[in-house]
Amino acid sequence: MIPSINLILFDRNYPTYIFLASLIKRNRQFCGRCSKSSFKAARELFKQRVIDSNIVTLKAQGEVKKKCKKLGLSEKIKVRFVRVRLSTDEIEVLVTSLLDERKYTAQTK
């Protein structure tokens, strides 16, 4: 039997720190596209050509940190950014809670 996984998918402009931290708090698996003005780790993957997957710890800062405290969300979350080259040769960067790089590879072929 193949284990099922419930995965929330979302498009650009949704992945804010608060949104991701809320999903993680609720133990929800997710994957979504990042914009080119997104998190620093995503911006770096858009620019470079070597690394296809990077697990990072994001830290809430400033007003976001205050809002996290108020909402009971973690001020640090671990996510994975994945760089994907589409058949059109366009680059997309995804953010996901699927951290296992062996089980969830970044290969597109």
Protein backbone atom coordinates (compact mmCIF):
# COMPACT_ATOMS: atom_id res chain seq x y z
CA MET A 1 0.00 0.00 0.00
CA ILE A 2 1.32 3.45 -0.92
CA PRO A 3 1.19 5.89 1.99
CA SER A 4 -0.93 8.94 1.26
CA ILE A 5 0.23 12.47 1.82
CA ASN A 6 -1.98 15.51 2.01
CA LEU A 7 -0.17 18.37 0.37
CA ILE A 8 -1.28 21.99 0.28
CA LEU A 9 -0.22 23.68 -2.96
CA PHE A 10 -0.08 27.45 -3.43
CA ASP A 11 1.10 29.99 -5.95
CA ARG A 12 3.41 32.99 -5.72
CA ASN A 13 2.69 35.76 -3.19
CA TYR A 14 1.23 33.33 -0.64
CA PRO A 15 4.45 32.15 1.04
CA THR A 16 4.90 34.66 3.83
CA TYR A 17 6.62 33.70 7.06
CA ILE A 18 3.31 33.84 8.98
CA PHE A 19 1.57 31.64 6.39
CA LEU A 20 4.35 29.01 6.42
CA ALA A 21 4.66 29.04 10.21
CA SER A 22 0.88 28.58 10.50
CA LEU A 23 0.96 25.53 8.23
CA ILE A 24 3.89 24.03 10.14
CA LYS A 25 2.15 24.61 13.48
CA ARG A 26 -0.84 22.66 12.14
CA ASN A 27 1.44 19.85 10.84
CA ARG A 28 0.37 20.49 7.25
CA GLN A 29 2.63 19.50 4.37
CA PHE A 30 2.97 22.19 1.71
CA CYS A 31 4.65 23.22 -1.51
CA GLY A 32 4.36 26.53 -3.29
CA ARG A 33 6.03 28.77 -5.83
CA CYS A 34 8.14 31.67 -4.66
CA SER A 35 8.39 35.00 -6.40
CA LYS A 36 11.77 36.45 -7.34
CA SER A 37 11.35 38.97 -4.50
CA SER A 38 10.59 36.27 -1.94
CA PHE A 39 12.79 34.94 0.87
CA LYS A 40 16.55 35.48 0.58
CA ALA A 41 17.15 31.73 0.14
CA ALA A 42 14.68 31.68 -2.79
CA ARG A 43 16.28 34.74 -4.41
CA GLU A 44 19.67 33.03 -4.20
CA LEU A 45 18.35 29.89 -5.93
CA PHE A 46 16.91 31.99 -8.77
CA LYS A 47 20.39 33.45 -9.38
CA GLN A 48 22.72 30.47 -9.07
CA ARG A 49 23.03 27.41 -11.29
CA VAL A 50 24.54 24.70 -9.07
CA ILE A 51 22.36 23.96 -6.05
CA ASP A 52 18.88 22.56 -6.73
CA SER A 53 17.72 22.12 -3.13
CA ASN A 54 18.52 23.91 0.10
CA ILE A 55 17.12 23.35 3.60
CA VAL A 56 17.15 26.54 5.66
CA THR A 57 15.91 27.82 8.98
CA LEU A 58 13.89 30.98 8.54
CA LYS A 59 13.75 33.40 11.46
CA ALA A 60 10.98 35.88 12.13
CA GLN A 61 12.17 39.43 12.63
CA GLY A 62 10.71 42.80 13.55
CA GLU A 63 6.93 43.11 13.26
CA VAL A 64 6.64 39.53 11.99
CA LYS A 65 8.33 38.30 15.16
CA LYS A 66 5.87 40.27 17.30
CA LYS A 67 2.94 38.87 15.32
CA CYS A 68 4.30 35.32 15.74
CA LYS A 69 4.41 35.75 19.51
CA LYS A 70 0.85 37.07 19.51
CA LEU A 71 -0.37 34.15 17.33
CA GLY A 72 1.61 31.48 19.16
CA LEU A 73 3.75 30.68 16.11
CA SER A 74 7.37 29.59 16.13
CA GLU A 75 9.94 32.32 15.58
CA LYS A 76 12.11 29.80 13.67
CA ILE A 77 10.91 27.35 11.04
CA LYS A 78 12.76 24.87 8.85
CA VAL A 79 11.78 24.71 5.18
CA ARG A 80 13.29 23.53 1.94
CA PHE A 81 13.71 25.60 -1.20
CA VAL A 82 13.84 23.68 -4.48
CA ARG A 83 15.02 25.05 -7.82
CA VAL A 84 13.23 23.58 -10.85
CA ARG A 85 13.95 24.16 -14.53
CA LEU A 86 10.76 23.95 -16.60
CA SER A 87 10.55 22.54 -20.13
CA THR A 88 10.44 26.18 -21.31
CA ASP A 89 13.88 26.67 -19.67
CA GLU A 90 12.27 29.02 -17.13
CA ILE A 91 13.43 28.67 -13.51
CA GLU A 92 10.93 28.27 -10.67
CA VAL A 93 11.77 28.11 -6.98
CA LEU A 94 9.45 26.24 -4.65
CA VAL A 95 9.25 26.35 -0.87
CA THR A 96 8.17 23.15 0.85
CA SER A 97 7.87 21.35 4.16
CA LEU A 98 9.02 18.12 2.46
CA LEU A 99 12.55 18.13 3.86
CA ASP A 100 13.68 14.60 2.93
CA GLU A 101 15.84 15.21 -0.14
CA ARG A 102 16.17 11.50 -0.89
CA LYS A 103 12.46 10.77 -0.78
CA TYR A 104 11.44 14.03 -2.51
CA THR A 105 14.13 14.68 -5.09
CA ALA A 106 14.59 17.92 -6.98
CA GLN A 107 15.03 16.08 -10.28
CA THR A 108 12.56 16.99 -12.99
CA LYS A 109 13.39 14.12 -15.36
